[in-house]
Amino acid sequence: MININLLPPQLKLQRIAAKRNASLIGICVVIVILFLVIGVVARSFESTIKANLDTTTSNVEKNTSQLDEYSDLQDLAFNINDRAKAAEEISKNRTIWSQILQELSNSAPGDVQFENLIANADKSPNFVLQGNTTTEREIIKFKDKLENSSVFNNVSFKTATLNDEQNPNVQTAGKLKFTLEFDMEQRSLSASVSGAQKGNIK
């Protein structure tokens, strides 16, 4: 079969140009559609990235806030711990005079009477005790009890003089007047106090 084109040359050229233009328009339409698709995909990708970024930023801020709160709690815990240690140290170094005097009274034999007591926790000797008794034996017993006590140490016997028996105004006439010097034990008194409550201190 033979096709014979009897169209004039000008018409042939116009048809060729029309086909070429249609092809170019088709290509342009495809390119525009492609760019639109790429734009939509890019916009969707941008929205996704922005949403993820916002979520990540929110999580970071939340975690930072929690870390700040934890840091504040940690500082508060350290502060409480420091205060507890300071209170414990003060408690260890605190002198409980009522318990010390009770121990001193428990250490004294029945024939020993106190006349004067000078106490100073910051100066050695911590105690200077003046008293009177009937015999030197009672003074020695008193000194031994103080030395064996868990509250006192460094006990030293200073003086002993006999009161004037001829003076009727002196109630202690005929008794020995003595002076003892001693210190407090420098450890915590809690164990000693506990022992005293249980009757272990003689």
N, C-alpha and C. Protein backbone atom coordinates (compact mmCIF):
# COMPACT_ATOMS: atom_id res chain seq x y z
N MET A 1 0.85 -1.17 0.00
CA MET A 1 0.00 0.00 0.00
C MET A 1 0.89 1.23 0.00
N ILE A 2 0.59 2.16 -0.84
CA ILE A 2 1.41 3.36 -1.00
C ILE A 2 0.59 4.56 -0.57
N ASN A 3 1.19 5.41 0.40
CA ASN A 3 0.55 6.65 0.84
C ASN A 3 1.14 7.80 0.06
N ILE A 4 0.26 8.53 -0.53
CA ILE A 4 0.69 9.69 -1.32
C ILE A 4 0.13 10.92 -0.64
N ASN A 5 1.03 11.80 -0.19
CA ASN A 5 0.65 13.04 0.48
C ASN A 5 0.54 14.13 -0.58
N LEU A 6 -0.69 14.57 -0.81
CA LEU A 6 -0.93 15.56 -1.84
C LEU A 6 -1.09 16.96 -1.25
N LEU A 7 -0.76 17.13 0.08
CA LEU A 7 -0.88 18.44 0.71
C LEU A 7 0.20 19.39 0.19
N PRO A 8 -0.18 20.66 0.15
CA PRO A 8 0.83 21.63 -0.29
C PRO A 8 1.97 21.69 0.71
N PRO A 9 3.12 22.14 0.26
CA PRO A 9 4.30 22.18 1.15
C PRO A 9 4.07 23.07 2.36
N GLN A 10 3.39 24.20 2.19
CA GLN A 10 3.17 25.09 3.34
C GLN A 10 2.32 24.41 4.41
N LEU A 11 1.30 23.75 3.98
CA LEU A 11 0.42 23.05 4.93
C LEU A 11 1.19 21.94 5.65
N LYS A 12 2.06 21.31 4.87
CA LYS A 12 2.89 20.26 5.50
C LYS A 12 3.76 20.88 6.61
N LEU A 13 4.37 22.02 6.34
CA LEU A 13 5.24 22.68 7.33
C LEU A 13 4.43 23.12 8.56
N GLN A 14 3.22 23.61 8.30
CA GLN A 14 2.38 24.04 9.43
C GLN A 14 2.02 22.86 10.31
N ARG A 15 1.71 21.71 9.71
CA ARG A 15 1.36 20.53 10.48
C ARG A 15 2.56 20.04 11.30
N ILE A 16 3.73 20.11 10.66
CA ILE A 16 4.94 19.69 11.39
C ILE A 16 5.19 20.62 12.56
N ALA A 17 5.00 21.93 12.34
CA ALA A 17 5.22 22.91 13.42
C ALA A 17 4.20 22.71 14.53
N ALA A 18 2.94 22.39 14.15
CA ALA A 18 1.90 22.18 15.16
C ALA A 18 2.23 20.96 16.03
N LYS A 19 2.70 19.89 15.34
CA LYS A 19 3.08 18.70 16.11
C LYS A 19 4.24 19.00 17.06
N ARG A 20 5.22 19.81 16.54
CA ARG A 20 6.38 20.15 17.37
C ARG A 20 5.93 20.98 18.59
N ASN A 21 5.02 21.95 18.35
CA ASN A 21 4.54 22.79 19.44
C ASN A 21 3.76 21.98 20.47
N ALA A 22 2.95 21.04 19.95
CA ALA A 22 2.20 20.19 20.87
C ALA A 22 3.13 19.36 21.74
N SER A 23 4.20 18.87 21.10
CA SER A 23 5.18 18.09 21.88
C SER A 23 5.83 18.95 22.95
N LEU A 24 6.21 20.20 22.58
CA LEU A 24 6.85 21.10 23.55
C LEU A 24 5.89 21.44 24.70
N ILE A 25 4.62 21.68 24.32
CA ILE A 25 3.63 22.00 25.36
C ILE A 25 3.47 20.80 26.31
N GLY A 26 3.43 19.61 25.72
CA GLY A 26 3.31 18.40 26.56
C GLY A 26 4.48 18.27 27.51
N ILE A 27 5.68 18.53 26.94
CA ILE A 27 6.88 18.44 27.79
C ILE A 27 6.82 19.47 28.92
N CYS A 28 6.39 20.71 28.55
CA CYS A 28 6.30 21.77 29.57
C CYS A 28 5.28 21.41 30.65
N VAL A 29 4.15 20.84 30.19
CA VAL A 29 3.13 20.43 31.17
C VAL A 29 3.68 19.37 32.11
N VAL A 30 4.41 18.40 31.54
CA VAL A 30 5.01 17.35 32.38
C VAL A 30 6.00 17.94 33.37
N ILE A 31 6.82 18.90 32.85
CA ILE A 31 7.81 19.53 33.75
C ILE A 31 7.12 20.29 34.87
N VAL A 32 6.04 21.04 34.51
CA VAL A 32 5.32 21.80 35.54
C VAL A 32 4.71 20.86 36.58
N ILE A 33 4.09 19.78 36.08
CA ILE A 33 3.50 18.81 37.00
C ILE A 33 4.58 18.21 37.90
N LEU A 34 5.75 17.92 37.31
CA LEU A 34 6.86 17.35 38.09
C LEU A 34 7.30 18.32 39.18
N PHE A 35 7.42 19.61 38.81
CA PHE A 35 7.81 20.60 39.81
C PHE A 35 6.75 20.73 40.92
N LEU A 36 5.46 20.67 40.51
CA LEU A 36 4.41 20.74 41.52
C LEU A 36 4.48 19.56 42.48
N VAL A 37 4.71 18.37 41.91
CA VAL A 37 4.83 17.18 42.76
C VAL A 37 6.03 17.32 43.70
N ILE A 38 7.16 17.78 43.11
CA ILE A 38 8.36 17.96 43.95
C ILE A 38 8.09 18.99 45.05
N GLY A 39 7.37 20.08 44.70
CA GLY A 39 7.05 21.10 45.69
C GLY A 39 6.18 20.56 46.81
N VAL A 40 5.15 19.77 46.42
CA VAL A 40 4.27 19.18 47.44
C VAL A 40 5.05 18.24 48.35
N VAL A 41 5.91 17.40 47.73
CA VAL A 41 6.72 16.47 48.53
C VAL A 41 7.66 17.23 49.46
N ALA A 42 8.28 18.31 48.89
CA ALA A 42 9.20 19.10 49.71
C ALA A 42 8.47 19.77 50.85
N ARG A 43 7.26 20.31 50.58
CA ARG A 43 6.48 20.95 51.64
C ARG A 43 6.10 19.95 52.72
N SER A 44 5.69 18.75 52.28
CA SER A 44 5.35 17.70 53.25
C SER A 44 6.57 17.29 54.07
N PHE A 45 7.72 17.16 53.40
CA PHE A 45 8.96 16.80 54.09
C PHE A 45 9.36 17.89 55.08
N GLU A 46 9.18 19.14 54.65
CA GLU A 46 9.50 20.26 55.54
C GLU A 46 8.60 20.27 56.76
N SER A 47 7.30 19.99 56.55
CA SER A 47 6.37 19.94 57.68
C SER A 47 6.74 18.82 58.65
N THR A 48 7.13 17.69 58.06
CA THR A 48 7.52 16.55 58.91
C THR A 48 8.76 16.88 59.72
N ILE A 49 9.75 17.50 59.04
CA ILE A 49 11.00 17.86 59.73
C ILE A 49 10.71 18.89 60.83
N LYS A 50 9.85 19.87 60.50
CA LYS A 50 9.52 20.89 61.49
C LYS A 50 8.81 20.28 62.69
N ALA A 51 7.88 19.36 62.43
CA ALA A 51 7.17 18.70 63.53
C ALA A 51 8.14 17.90 64.39
N ASN A 52 9.05 17.16 63.73
CA ASN A 52 10.05 16.39 64.49
C ASN A 52 10.97 17.32 65.29
N LEU A 53 11.34 18.46 64.66
CA LEU A 53 12.22 19.41 65.34
C LEU A 53 11.52 20.01 66.54
N ASP A 54 10.21 20.35 66.38
CA ASP A 54 9.46 20.90 67.50
C ASP A 54 9.35 19.87 68.63
N THR A 55 9.08 18.62 68.25
CA THR A 55 8.99 17.56 69.27
C THR A 55 10.31 17.37 70.00
N THR A 56 11.41 17.36 69.21
CA THR A 56 12.73 17.20 69.81
C THR A 56 13.07 18.36 70.73
N THR A 57 12.75 19.59 70.28
CA THR A 57 13.00 20.78 71.10
C THR A 57 12.21 20.73 72.40
N SER A 58 10.92 20.30 72.28
CA SER A 58 10.08 20.19 73.48
C SER A 58 10.64 19.15 74.45
N ASN A 59 11.11 18.02 73.90
CA ASN A 59 11.70 16.98 74.76
C ASN A 59 12.97 17.47 75.43
N VAL A 60 13.79 18.21 74.68
CA VAL A 60 15.03 18.74 75.25
C VAL A 60 14.73 19.73 76.37
N GLU A 61 13.74 20.62 76.13
CA GLU A 61 13.37 21.58 77.17
C GLU A 61 12.81 20.87 78.40
N LYS A 62 12.00 19.83 78.16
CA LYS A 62 11.45 19.07 79.28
C LYS A 62 12.55 18.39 80.08
N ASN A 63 13.48 17.75 79.36
CA ASN A 63 14.60 17.07 80.03
C ASN A 63 15.48 18.07 80.78
N THR A 64 15.68 19.24 80.16
CA THR A 64 16.48 20.27 80.82
C THR A 64 15.81 20.74 82.10
N SER A 65 14.49 20.90 82.03
CA SER A 65 13.74 21.30 83.22
C SER A 65 13.84 20.24 84.31
N GLN A 66 13.75 18.97 83.91
CA GLN A 66 13.87 17.89 84.89
C GLN A 66 15.27 17.84 85.49
N LEU A 67 16.28 18.10 84.63
CA LEU A 67 17.66 18.11 85.14
C LEU A 67 17.86 19.26 86.13
N ASP A 68 17.29 20.43 85.81
CA ASP A 68 17.39 21.56 86.73
C ASP A 68 16.70 21.24 88.06
N GLU A 69 15.54 20.59 87.97
CA GLU A 69 14.82 20.22 89.19
C GLU A 69 15.62 19.19 89.99
N TYR A 70 16.20 18.23 89.28
CA TYR A 70 17.03 17.23 89.96
C TYR A 70 18.25 17.88 90.61
N SER A 71 18.85 18.86 89.88
CA SER A 71 20.01 19.56 90.43
C SER A 71 19.63 20.33 91.69
N ASP A 72 18.45 20.97 91.68
CA ASP A 72 17.99 21.68 92.88
C ASP A 72 17.77 20.71 94.04
N LEU A 73 17.16 19.57 93.74
CA LEU A 73 16.94 18.57 94.79
C LEU A 73 18.26 18.03 95.32
N GLN A 74 19.23 17.85 94.42
CA GLN A 74 20.54 17.36 94.84
C GLN A 74 21.23 18.39 95.73
N ASP A 75 21.15 19.67 95.35
CA ASP A 75 21.74 20.72 96.19
C ASP A 75 21.06 20.75 97.55
N LEU A 76 19.72 20.59 97.56
CA LEU A 76 19.00 20.58 98.83
C LEU A 76 19.42 19.39 99.69
N ALA A 77 19.59 18.23 99.05
CA ALA A 77 20.03 17.03 99.79
C ALA A 77 21.42 17.23 100.38
N PHE A 78 22.34 17.83 99.58
CA PHE A 78 23.68 18.11 100.08
C PHE A 78 23.63 19.08 101.27
N ASN A 79 22.77 20.08 101.15
CA ASN A 79 22.64 21.07 102.21
C ASN A 79 22.13 20.43 103.50
N ILE A 80 21.09 19.58 103.35
CA ILE A 80 20.55 18.88 104.52
C ILE A 80 21.60 17.96 105.13
N ASN A 81 22.37 17.28 104.27
CA ASN A 81 23.40 16.37 104.75
C ASN A 81 24.48 17.13 105.52
N ASP A 82 24.88 18.30 104.97
CA ASP A 82 25.89 19.11 105.65
C ASP A 82 25.38 19.59 107.01
N ARG A 83 24.11 20.00 107.05
CA ARG A 83 23.56 20.47 108.32
C ARG A 83 23.46 19.32 109.33
N ALA A 84 23.11 18.13 108.83
CA ALA A 84 23.02 16.97 109.73
C ALA A 84 24.40 16.64 110.31
N LYS A 85 25.44 16.72 109.46
CA LYS A 85 26.80 16.46 109.95
C LYS A 85 27.22 17.51 110.96
N ALA A 86 26.87 18.79 110.68
CA ALA A 86 27.22 19.85 111.62
C ALA A 86 26.50 19.66 112.95
N ALA A 87 25.21 19.28 112.89
CA ALA A 87 24.46 19.03 114.12
C ALA A 87 25.04 17.85 114.89
N GLU A 88 25.45 16.82 114.15
CA GLU A 88 26.05 15.65 114.82
C GLU A 88 27.37 16.02 115.48
N GLU A 89 28.17 16.86 114.80
CA GLU A 89 29.44 17.29 115.36
C GLU A 89 29.22 18.13 116.61
N ILE A 90 28.23 19.03 116.55
CA ILE A 90 27.91 19.84 117.73
C ILE A 90 27.45 18.96 118.88
N SER A 91 26.62 17.95 118.55
CA SER A 91 26.13 17.05 119.58
C SER A 91 27.27 16.26 120.23
N LYS A 92 28.26 15.87 119.41
CA LYS A 92 29.39 15.12 119.96
C LYS A 92 30.23 15.98 120.89
N ASN A 93 30.39 17.26 120.52
CA ASN A 93 31.25 18.15 121.30
C ASN A 93 30.51 18.83 122.45
N ARG A 94 29.20 18.61 122.56
CA ARG A 94 28.42 19.29 123.59
C ARG A 94 28.69 18.64 124.95
N THR A 95 28.90 19.49 125.92
CA THR A 95 29.13 19.02 127.28
C THR A 95 27.81 18.93 128.02
N ILE A 96 27.47 17.73 128.50
CA ILE A 96 26.21 17.51 129.22
C ILE A 96 26.52 17.59 130.71
N TRP A 97 26.42 18.79 131.26
CA TRP A 97 26.88 19.03 132.62
C TRP A 97 26.08 18.25 133.65
N SER A 98 24.78 18.13 133.44
CA SER A 98 23.97 17.42 134.43
C SER A 98 24.42 15.97 134.58
N GLN A 99 24.76 15.34 133.46
CA GLN A 99 25.21 13.94 133.51
C GLN A 99 26.62 13.85 134.09
N ILE A 100 27.45 14.86 133.80
CA ILE A 100 28.81 14.86 134.37
C ILE A 100 28.75 15.00 135.88
N LEU A 101 27.92 15.92 136.36
CA LEU A 101 27.80 16.13 137.80
C LEU A 101 27.19 14.89 138.48
N GLN A 102 26.27 14.23 137.78
CA GLN A 102 25.70 12.99 138.33
C GLN A 102 26.78 11.92 138.48
N GLU A 103 27.63 11.81 137.46
CA GLU A 103 28.73 10.84 137.52
C GLU A 103 29.70 11.20 138.64
N LEU A 104 29.96 12.50 138.82
CA LEU A 104 30.85 12.94 139.90
C LEU A 104 30.25 12.59 141.26
N SER A 105 28.96 12.80 141.40
CA SER A 105 28.29 12.47 142.66
C SER A 105 28.31 10.97 142.92
N ASN A 106 28.10 10.17 141.87
CA ASN A 106 28.11 8.71 142.03
C ASN A 106 29.50 8.19 142.40
N SER A 107 30.54 8.92 142.01
CA SER A 107 31.91 8.47 142.30
C SER A 107 32.35 8.81 143.72
N ALA A 108 31.65 9.70 144.40
CA ALA A 108 32.08 10.15 145.72
C ALA A 108 31.68 9.14 146.79
N PRO A 109 32.60 8.73 147.66
CA PRO A 109 32.25 7.87 148.80
C PRO A 109 31.27 8.59 149.74
N GLY A 110 30.66 7.83 150.64
CA GLY A 110 29.64 8.40 151.52
C GLY A 110 30.18 9.45 152.48
N ASP A 111 31.47 9.35 152.87
CA ASP A 111 32.03 10.28 153.85
C ASP A 111 32.68 11.50 153.21
N VAL A 112 32.51 11.66 151.91
CA VAL A 112 33.11 12.81 151.22
C VAL A 112 32.03 13.86 150.97
N GLN A 113 32.30 15.10 151.38
CA GLN A 113 31.39 16.21 151.12
C GLN A 113 32.11 17.24 150.22
N PHE A 114 31.37 17.77 149.26
CA PHE A 114 31.92 18.78 148.36
C PHE A 114 31.75 20.16 148.99
N GLU A 115 32.80 20.99 148.90
CA GLU A 115 32.73 22.37 149.36
C GLU A 115 32.73 23.36 148.18
N ASN A 116 33.53 23.07 147.18
CA ASN A 116 33.63 24.01 146.05
C ASN A 116 34.05 23.23 144.80
N LEU A 117 33.44 23.60 143.66
CA LEU A 117 33.77 22.95 142.39
C LEU A 117 33.92 24.03 141.32
N ILE A 118 35.08 24.07 140.70
CA ILE A 118 35.33 24.98 139.58
C ILE A 118 35.43 24.14 138.32
N ALA A 119 34.57 24.45 137.33
CA ALA A 119 34.53 23.67 136.08
C ALA A 119 34.77 24.58 134.90
N ASN A 120 35.63 24.14 133.99
CA ASN A 120 35.92 24.89 132.76
C ASN A 120 36.26 23.88 131.67
N ALA A 121 35.33 23.71 130.69
CA ALA A 121 35.53 22.69 129.65
C ALA A 121 36.64 23.06 128.68
N ASP A 122 37.05 24.34 128.64
CA ASP A 122 38.05 24.79 127.67
C ASP A 122 39.45 24.92 128.25
N LYS A 123 39.61 24.62 129.51
CA LYS A 123 40.91 24.81 130.15
C LYS A 123 41.24 23.59 131.01
N SER A 124 42.47 23.12 130.91
CA SER A 124 42.91 21.98 131.72
C SER A 124 43.63 22.49 132.96
N PRO A 125 43.33 21.95 134.15
CA PRO A 125 42.34 20.89 134.40
C PRO A 125 40.91 21.42 134.25
N ASN A 126 40.02 20.55 133.76
CA ASN A 126 38.64 20.96 133.58
C ASN A 126 37.92 21.17 134.92
N PHE A 127 38.37 20.46 135.96
CA PHE A 127 37.70 20.55 137.26
C PHE A 127 38.74 20.74 138.36
N VAL A 128 38.39 21.63 139.29
CA VAL A 128 39.13 21.76 140.55
C VAL A 128 38.10 21.60 141.66
N LEU A 129 38.22 20.48 142.41
CA LEU A 129 37.22 20.14 143.42
C LEU A 129 37.84 20.25 144.81
N GLN A 130 37.16 20.98 145.67
CA GLN A 130 37.56 21.08 147.07
C GLN A 130 36.46 20.45 147.93
N GLY A 131 36.89 19.63 148.87
CA GLY A 131 35.92 18.97 149.73
C GLY A 131 36.56 18.58 151.05
N ASN A 132 35.80 17.85 151.85
CA ASN A 132 36.35 17.38 153.12
C ASN A 132 35.83 15.98 153.40
N THR A 133 36.57 15.25 154.23
CA THR A 133 36.21 13.88 154.58
C THR A 133 36.84 13.54 155.92
N THR A 134 36.63 12.31 156.34
CA THR A 134 37.09 11.93 157.68
C THR A 134 38.53 11.43 157.68
N THR A 135 38.92 10.67 156.64
CA THR A 135 40.27 10.09 156.62
C THR A 135 40.87 10.21 155.21
N GLU A 136 42.18 10.03 155.16
CA GLU A 136 42.86 10.05 153.87
C GLU A 136 42.42 8.86 153.01
N ARG A 137 42.01 7.79 153.66
CA ARG A 137 41.55 6.61 152.91
C ARG A 137 40.37 6.96 152.01
N GLU A 138 39.44 7.79 152.53
CA GLU A 138 38.29 8.20 151.73
C GLU A 138 38.71 9.03 150.52
N ILE A 139 39.72 9.86 150.69
CA ILE A 139 40.23 10.66 149.57
C ILE A 139 40.81 9.74 148.50
N ILE A 140 41.57 8.72 148.95
CA ILE A 140 42.18 7.78 147.99
C ILE A 140 41.10 7.00 147.26
N LYS A 141 40.05 6.57 147.99
CA LYS A 141 38.94 5.84 147.34
C LYS A 141 38.25 6.73 146.31
N PHE A 142 38.05 8.00 146.66
CA PHE A 142 37.41 8.93 145.75
C PHE A 142 38.26 9.13 144.49
N LYS A 143 39.57 9.30 144.69
CA LYS A 143 40.48 9.48 143.55
C LYS A 143 40.48 8.24 142.64
N ASP A 144 40.47 7.05 143.25
CA ASP A 144 40.46 5.82 142.45
C ASP A 144 39.17 5.70 141.63
N LYS A 145 38.04 6.05 142.23
CA LYS A 145 36.77 5.97 141.50
C LYS A 145 36.75 6.94 140.32
N LEU A 146 37.30 8.12 140.52
CA LEU A 146 37.35 9.09 139.41
C LEU A 146 38.25 8.58 138.29
N GLU A 147 39.39 7.97 138.67
CA GLU A 147 40.31 7.44 137.66
C GLU A 147 39.68 6.28 136.88
N ASN A 148 38.87 5.47 137.55
CA ASN A 148 38.23 4.33 136.90
C ASN A 148 36.96 4.71 136.13
N SER A 149 36.54 5.94 136.29
CA SER A 149 35.34 6.39 135.60
C SER A 149 35.62 6.55 134.10
N SER A 150 34.59 6.31 133.28
CA SER A 150 34.73 6.51 131.83
C SER A 150 34.49 7.96 131.42
N VAL A 151 34.22 8.82 132.40
CA VAL A 151 33.95 10.24 132.11
C VAL A 151 35.14 11.12 132.46
N PHE A 152 35.93 10.72 133.47
CA PHE A 152 37.03 11.57 133.95
C PHE A 152 38.38 10.89 133.72
N ASN A 153 39.42 11.73 133.64
CA ASN A 153 40.80 11.22 133.55
C ASN A 153 41.76 12.27 134.09
N ASN A 154 43.04 11.89 134.11
CA ASN A 154 44.11 12.79 134.59
C ASN A 154 43.80 13.32 136.00
N VAL A 155 43.40 12.43 136.90
CA VAL A 155 43.06 12.85 138.27
C VAL A 155 44.35 13.01 139.07
N SER A 156 44.46 14.14 139.74
CA SER A 156 45.66 14.38 140.56
C SER A 156 45.24 14.93 141.92
N PHE A 157 45.92 14.46 142.96
CA PHE A 157 45.67 14.88 144.35
C PHE A 157 46.59 16.06 144.66
N LYS A 158 46.00 17.19 145.07
CA LYS A 158 46.80 18.39 145.27
C LYS A 158 47.14 18.63 146.74
N THR A 159 46.15 18.87 147.55
CA THR A 159 46.42 19.21 148.95
C THR A 159 45.46 18.48 149.88
N ALA A 160 45.86 18.35 151.15
CA ALA A 160 45.00 17.81 152.21
C ALA A 160 45.45 18.44 153.52
N THR A 161 44.56 19.13 154.17
CA THR A 161 44.88 19.77 155.46
C THR A 161 43.79 19.43 156.47
N LEU A 162 44.16 19.42 157.73
CA LEU A 162 43.22 19.10 158.80
C LEU A 162 42.57 20.38 159.30
N ASN A 163 41.23 20.41 159.33
CA ASN A 163 40.52 21.59 159.82
C ASN A 163 40.73 21.75 161.32
N ASP A 164 40.64 22.97 161.81
CA ASP A 164 40.88 23.29 163.21
C ASP A 164 39.78 22.71 164.09
N GLU A 165 40.14 21.79 165.00
CA GLU A 165 39.15 21.15 165.88
C GLU A 165 38.71 22.10 167.00
N GLN A 166 39.51 23.14 167.28
CA GLN A 166 39.20 24.02 168.40
C GLN A 166 38.22 25.12 168.02
N ASN A 167 37.87 25.25 166.74
CA ASN A 167 36.97 26.31 166.29
C ASN A 167 35.54 25.78 166.27
N PRO A 168 34.68 26.19 167.21
CA PRO A 168 33.32 25.63 167.27
C PRO A 168 32.42 26.11 166.15
N ASN A 169 32.84 27.18 165.45
CA ASN A 169 31.99 27.71 164.37
C ASN A 169 32.17 26.95 163.06
N VAL A 170 33.13 26.09 163.02
CA VAL A 170 33.40 25.34 161.79
C VAL A 170 32.75 23.97 161.91
N GLN A 171 31.76 23.71 161.03
CA GLN A 171 31.07 22.41 161.09
C GLN A 171 31.99 21.27 160.68
N THR A 172 33.02 21.59 159.91
CA THR A 172 33.91 20.54 159.44
C THR A 172 35.14 20.40 160.31
N ALA A 173 35.09 20.88 161.52
CA ALA A 173 36.25 20.79 162.41
C ALA A 173 36.63 19.34 162.61
N GLY A 174 37.92 19.07 162.53
CA GLY A 174 38.44 17.72 162.72
C GLY A 174 38.43 16.89 161.47
N LYS A 175 38.01 17.44 160.34
CA LYS A 175 37.98 16.70 159.08
C LYS A 175 39.11 17.15 158.17
N LEU A 176 39.45 16.27 157.24
CA LEU A 176 40.50 16.59 156.27
C LEU A 176 39.91 17.38 155.11
N LYS A 177 40.53 18.51 154.81
CA LYS A 177 40.13 19.29 153.64
C LYS A 177 41.09 18.97 152.51
N PHE A 178 40.56 18.65 151.34
CA PHE A 178 41.41 18.20 150.23
C PHE A 178 41.03 18.94 148.94
N THR A 179 41.95 18.85 147.98
CA THR A 179 41.73 19.44 146.64
C THR A 179 42.15 18.42 145.59
N LEU A 180 41.25 18.15 144.64
CA LEU A 180 41.53 17.26 143.52
C LEU A 180 41.37 18.03 142.21
N GLU A 181 42.23 17.72 141.25
CA GLU A 181 42.11 18.29 139.90
C GLU A 181 42.00 17.15 138.90
N PHE A 182 41.11 17.31 137.90
CA PHE A 182 40.93 16.24 136.91
C PHE A 182 40.29 16.83 135.66
N ASP A 183 40.32 16.02 134.59
CA ASP A 183 39.79 16.44 133.29
C ASP A 183 38.62 15.56 132.89
N MET A 184 37.88 16.04 131.88
CA MET A 184 36.85 15.21 131.26
C MET A 184 37.48 14.33 130.19
N GLU A 185 36.92 13.15 130.00
CA GLU A 185 37.32 12.30 128.89
C GLU A 185 36.93 13.01 127.60
N GLN A 186 37.82 13.07 126.60
CA GLN A 186 37.58 13.85 125.39
C GLN A 186 36.77 13.12 124.33
N ARG A 187 36.30 11.93 124.61
CA ARG A 187 35.45 11.22 123.66
C ARG A 187 33.99 11.56 123.93
N SER A 188 33.11 11.09 123.06
CA SER A 188 31.67 11.33 123.22
C SER A 188 31.18 10.68 124.49
N LEU A 189 30.27 11.39 125.20
CA LEU A 189 29.76 10.88 126.47
C LEU A 189 28.55 9.97 126.31
N SER A 190 28.12 9.75 125.06
CA SER A 190 26.89 8.99 124.86
C SER A 190 26.99 7.58 125.43
N ALA A 191 28.15 6.92 125.20
CA ALA A 191 28.31 5.55 125.71
C ALA A 191 28.33 5.55 127.22
N SER A 192 28.99 6.58 127.80
CA SER A 192 29.07 6.64 129.25
C SER A 192 27.70 6.91 129.86
N VAL A 193 26.94 7.79 129.21
CA VAL A 193 25.61 8.10 129.71
C VAL A 193 24.72 6.87 129.64
N SER A 194 24.83 6.13 128.52
CA SER A 194 24.04 4.92 128.38
C SER A 194 24.40 3.92 129.47
N GLY A 195 25.71 3.81 129.75
CA GLY A 195 26.12 2.90 130.79
C GLY A 195 25.63 3.33 132.16
N ALA A 196 25.61 4.65 132.37
CA ALA A 196 25.14 5.16 133.67
C ALA A 196 23.66 4.87 133.85
N GLN A 197 22.90 4.97 132.77
CA GLN A 197 21.47 4.68 132.86
C GLN A 197 21.22 3.22 133.16
N LYS A 198 22.13 2.34 132.73
CA LYS A 198 21.95 0.91 132.96
C LYS A 198 22.58 0.46 134.29
N GLY A 199 23.21 1.40 135.00
CA GLY A 199 23.81 1.04 136.28
C GLY A 199 25.19 0.46 136.16
N ASN A 200 25.87 0.70 134.99
CA ASN A 200 27.21 0.15 134.81
C ASN A 200 28.26 1.04 135.45
N ILE A 201 27.95 2.32 135.66
CA ILE A 201 28.93 3.22 136.26
C ILE A 201 28.84 3.10 137.77
N LYS A 202 29.97 2.83 138.38
CA LYS A 202 29.98 2.63 139.84
C LYS A 202 30.31 3.93 140.54
